């Protein structure tokens, strides 16, 4: 599947995304990071991540996508986030998850606005 995010903060230079798969109580099952995008105010992350999830668990997990700005090696700022699945951040995100579950291996791409940090 594919998630395309957009954020409204303008003066962002170096950004990356963190994808975290959570169970129903918010425990982290696994996580991945995108590569760093330098000097792009509206970066596009064309990357693939694979999470091993049993079919019966798909209705019980949440995929949290967080976008960060890196100002220095040790300083990062959360720009925003969006979640899909069990604890989706909105109706469109929940519907996207349902469509992905039914897509039988086909990509289902949607735009999602980030929730404010």
C-alpha atoms as a PDB file:
ATOM      1  CA  UNK A   1       0.000   0.000   0.000  1.00  0.00           C
ATOM      2  CA  UNK A   2       0.985   3.617  -0.299  1.00  0.00           C
ATOM      3  CA  UNK A   3       0.466   6.600   2.010  1.00  0.00           C
ATOM      4  CA  UNK A   4       1.201  10.083   0.757  1.00  0.00           C
ATOM      5  CA  UNK A   5       1.319  12.748   3.440  1.00  0.00           C
ATOM      6  CA  UNK A   6       1.357  16.524   3.263  1.00  0.00           C
ATOM      7  CA  UNK A   7       2.289  18.973   5.966  1.00  0.00           C
ATOM      8  CA  UNK A   8       1.696  22.705   6.239  1.00  0.00           C
ATOM      9  CA  UNK A   9       4.894  23.843   7.982  1.00  0.00           C
ATOM     10  CA  UNK A  10       6.918  25.734   5.382  1.00  0.00           C
ATOM     11  CA  UNK A  11      10.534  26.151   6.466  1.00  0.00           C
ATOM     12  CA  UNK A  12      11.314  22.454   6.797  1.00  0.00           C
ATOM     13  CA  UNK A  13      14.658  21.288   5.472  1.00  0.00           C
ATOM     14  CA  UNK A  14      15.514  17.737   6.497  1.00  0.00           C
ATOM     15  CA  UNK A  15      12.591  15.377   7.066  1.00  0.00           C
ATOM     16  CA  UNK A  16      11.993  11.676   7.548  1.00  0.00           C
ATOM     17  CA  UNK A  17       9.095   9.415   8.412  1.00  0.00           C
ATOM     18  CA  UNK A  18       8.743   6.813  11.105  1.00  0.00           C
ATOM     19  CA  UNK A  19       6.245   3.974  10.649  1.00  0.00           C
ATOM     20  CA  UNK A  20       5.190   2.139  13.795  1.00  0.00           C
ATOM     21  CA  UNK A  21       2.902  -0.876  13.915  1.00  0.00           C
ATOM     22  CA  UNK A  22       0.922  -1.000  17.185  1.00  0.00           C
ATOM     23  CA  UNK A  23      -1.345  -3.594  18.770  1.00  0.00           C
ATOM     24  CA  UNK A  24      -4.775  -2.769  20.218  1.00  0.00           C
ATOM     25  CA  UNK A  25      -3.364  -1.465  23.503  1.00  0.00           C
ATOM     26  CA  UNK A  26      -0.686   0.695  21.848  1.00  0.00           C
ATOM     27  CA  UNK A  27       2.270  -1.646  22.321  1.00  0.00           C
ATOM     28  CA  UNK A  28       4.851  -1.362  19.544  1.00  0.00           C
ATOM     29  CA  UNK A  29       5.084  -4.487  17.390  1.00  0.00           C
ATOM     30  CA  UNK A  30       7.688  -3.164  14.949  1.00  0.00           C
ATOM     31  CA  UNK A  31       8.917   0.060  13.353  1.00  0.00           C
ATOM     32  CA  UNK A  32      10.788   1.385  10.338  1.00  0.00           C
ATOM     33  CA  UNK A  33      12.195   4.739   9.227  1.00  0.00           C
ATOM     34  CA  UNK A  34      12.299   6.324   5.806  1.00  0.00           C
ATOM     35  CA  UNK A  35      15.465   7.789   4.404  1.00  0.00           C
ATOM     36  CA  UNK A  36      16.198  11.440   5.151  1.00  0.00           C
ATOM     37  CA  UNK A  37      14.953  13.988   2.597  1.00  0.00           C
ATOM     38  CA  UNK A  38      17.182  17.049   2.553  1.00  0.00           C
ATOM     39  CA  UNK A  39      16.023  20.529   1.568  1.00  0.00           C
ATOM     40  CA  UNK A  40      12.542  19.501   0.397  1.00  0.00           C
ATOM     41  CA  UNK A  41       9.629  21.448   1.903  1.00  0.00           C
ATOM     42  CA  UNK A  42       7.136  18.837   0.586  1.00  0.00           C
ATOM     43  CA  UNK A  43       9.067  15.570   0.302  1.00  0.00           C
ATOM     44  CA  UNK A  44       7.699  12.415  -1.280  1.00  0.00           C
ATOM     45  CA  UNK A  45       8.851   9.118   0.213  1.00  0.00           C
ATOM     46  CA  UNK A  46       8.728   6.415  -2.444  1.00  0.00           C
ATOM     47  CA  UNK A  47       9.800   3.594  -0.193  1.00  0.00           C
ATOM     48  CA  UNK A  48       8.437   0.161   0.576  1.00  0.00           C
ATOM     49  CA  UNK A  49       8.193  -1.324   4.060  1.00  0.00           C
ATOM     50  CA  UNK A  50       7.075  -4.843   4.889  1.00  0.00           C
ATOM     51  CA  UNK A  51       5.385  -5.710   8.166  1.00  0.00           C
ATOM     52  CA  UNK A  52       4.639  -9.351   8.951  1.00  0.00           C
ATOM     53  CA  UNK A  53       1.027  -9.413  10.143  1.00  0.00           C
ATOM     54  CA  UNK A  54      -1.302 -12.399  10.144  1.00  0.00           C
ATOM     55  CA  UNK A  55      -4.578 -11.892   8.251  1.00  0.00           C
ATOM     56  CA  UNK A  56      -6.624 -12.354  11.423  1.00  0.00           C
ATOM     57  CA  UNK A  57      -4.626  -9.538  13.106  1.00  0.00           C
ATOM     58  CA  UNK A  58      -5.225  -6.881  10.416  1.00  0.00           C
ATOM     59  CA  UNK A  59      -8.373  -5.584  12.085  1.00  0.00           C
ATOM     60  CA  UNK A  60      -6.540  -5.262  15.431  1.00  0.00           C
ATOM     61  CA  UNK A  61      -3.381  -3.323  14.489  1.00  0.00           C
ATOM     62  CA  UNK A  62      -2.702   0.367  13.901  1.00  0.00           C
ATOM     63  CA  UNK A  63      -0.096   1.798  11.547  1.00  0.00           C
ATOM     64  CA  UNK A  64       1.168   5.126  12.889  1.00  0.00           C
ATOM     65  CA  UNK A  65       3.027   7.318  10.384  1.00  0.00           C
ATOM     66  CA  UNK A  66       4.940  10.195  11.999  1.00  0.00           C
ATOM     67  CA  UNK A  67       6.845  12.843  10.052  1.00  0.00           C
ATOM     68  CA  UNK A  68       9.821  14.515  11.710  1.00  0.00           C
ATOM     69  CA  UNK A  69      12.059  17.469  10.906  1.00  0.00           C
ATOM     70  CA  UNK A  70      15.688  17.022  11.837  1.00  0.00           C
ATOM     71  CA  UNK A  71      17.309  20.318  12.780  1.00  0.00           C
ATOM     72  CA  UNK A  72      20.551  18.798  14.030  1.00  0.00           C
ATOM     73  CA  UNK A  73      21.903  15.333  14.731  1.00  0.00           C
ATOM     74  CA  UNK A  74      20.295  15.178  18.187  1.00  0.00           C
ATOM     75  CA  UNK A  75      17.335  17.521  17.723  1.00  0.00           C
ATOM     76  CA  UNK A  76      14.140  16.470  15.983  1.00  0.00           C
ATOM     77  CA  UNK A  77      10.659  17.956  15.817  1.00  0.00           C
ATOM     78  CA  UNK A  78       7.453  16.045  15.185  1.00  0.00           C
ATOM     79  CA  UNK A  79       5.675  17.809  12.311  1.00  0.00           C
ATOM     80  CA  UNK A  80       2.567  15.665  12.340  1.00  0.00           C
ATOM     81  CA  UNK A  81       1.161  12.172  12.168  1.00  0.00           C
ATOM     82  CA  UNK A  82      -1.584  10.029  10.695  1.00  0.00           C
ATOM     83  CA  UNK A  83      -2.778   6.570  11.727  1.00  0.00           C
ATOM     84  CA  UNK A  84      -4.554   3.824   9.836  1.00  0.00           C
ATOM     85  CA  UNK A  85      -6.194   0.643  11.052  1.00  0.00           C
ATOM     86  CA  UNK A  86      -7.739  -0.143  14.430  1.00  0.00           C
ATOM     87  CA  UNK A  87      -7.132   3.332  15.919  1.00  0.00           C
ATOM     88  CA  UNK A  88      -7.338   5.329  12.689  1.00  0.00           C
ATOM     89  CA  UNK A  89      -7.021   9.105  13.007  1.00  0.00           C
ATOM     90  CA  UNK A  90     -10.202   9.660  10.977  1.00  0.00           C
ATOM     91  CA  UNK A  91     -12.851   8.124   8.760  1.00  0.00           C
ATOM     92  CA  UNK A  92     -10.802   8.483   5.550  1.00  0.00           C
ATOM     93  CA  UNK A  93      -7.839   6.737   7.186  1.00  0.00           C
ATOM     94  CA  UNK A  94     -10.079   3.921   8.415  1.00  0.00           C
ATOM     95  CA  UNK A  95     -11.594   3.525   4.941  1.00  0.00           C
ATOM     96  CA  UNK A  96      -8.109   3.483   3.393  1.00  0.00           C
ATOM     97  CA  UNK A  97      -7.149   0.612   5.715  1.00  0.00           C
ATOM     98  CA  UNK A  98     -10.301  -1.313   4.806  1.00  0.00           C
ATOM     99  CA  UNK A  99      -9.639  -0.818   1.083  1.00  0.00           C
ATOM    100  CA  UNK A 100      -6.042  -2.021   1.511  1.00  0.00           C
ATOM    101  CA  UNK A 101      -7.235  -5.135   3.347  1.00  0.00           C
ATOM    102  CA  UNK A 102      -9.524  -5.973   0.431  1.00  0.00           C
ATOM    103  CA  UNK A 103      -7.112  -5.038  -2.379  1.00  0.00           C
ATOM    104  CA  UNK A 104      -5.561  -8.516  -2.755  1.00  0.00           C
ATOM    105  CA  UNK A 105      -2.003  -7.247  -3.154  1.00  0.00           C
ATOM    106  CA  UNK A 106      -2.744  -4.148  -5.251  1.00  0.00           C
ATOM    107  CA  UNK A 107      -1.525  -0.735  -4.118  1.00  0.00           C
ATOM    108  CA  UNK A 108      -4.163   1.580  -2.696  1.00  0.00           C
ATOM    109  CA  UNK A 109      -2.761   5.132  -2.635  1.00  0.00           C
ATOM    110  CA  UNK A 110      -4.479   8.004  -0.834  1.00  0.00           C
ATOM    111  CA  UNK A 111      -3.543  11.489   0.338  1.00  0.00           C
ATOM    112  CA  UNK A 112      -3.815  12.097   4.069  1.00  0.00           C
ATOM    113  CA  UNK A 113      -3.328  15.384   5.863  1.00  0.00           C
ATOM    114  CA  UNK A 114      -1.150  15.145   8.937  1.00  0.00           C
ATOM    115  CA  UNK A 115      -2.608  15.662  12.369  1.00  0.00           C
ATOM    116  CA  UNK A 116      -0.872  18.522  14.172  1.00  0.00           C
ATOM    117  CA  UNK A 117       1.901  17.490  16.542  1.00  0.00           C
END
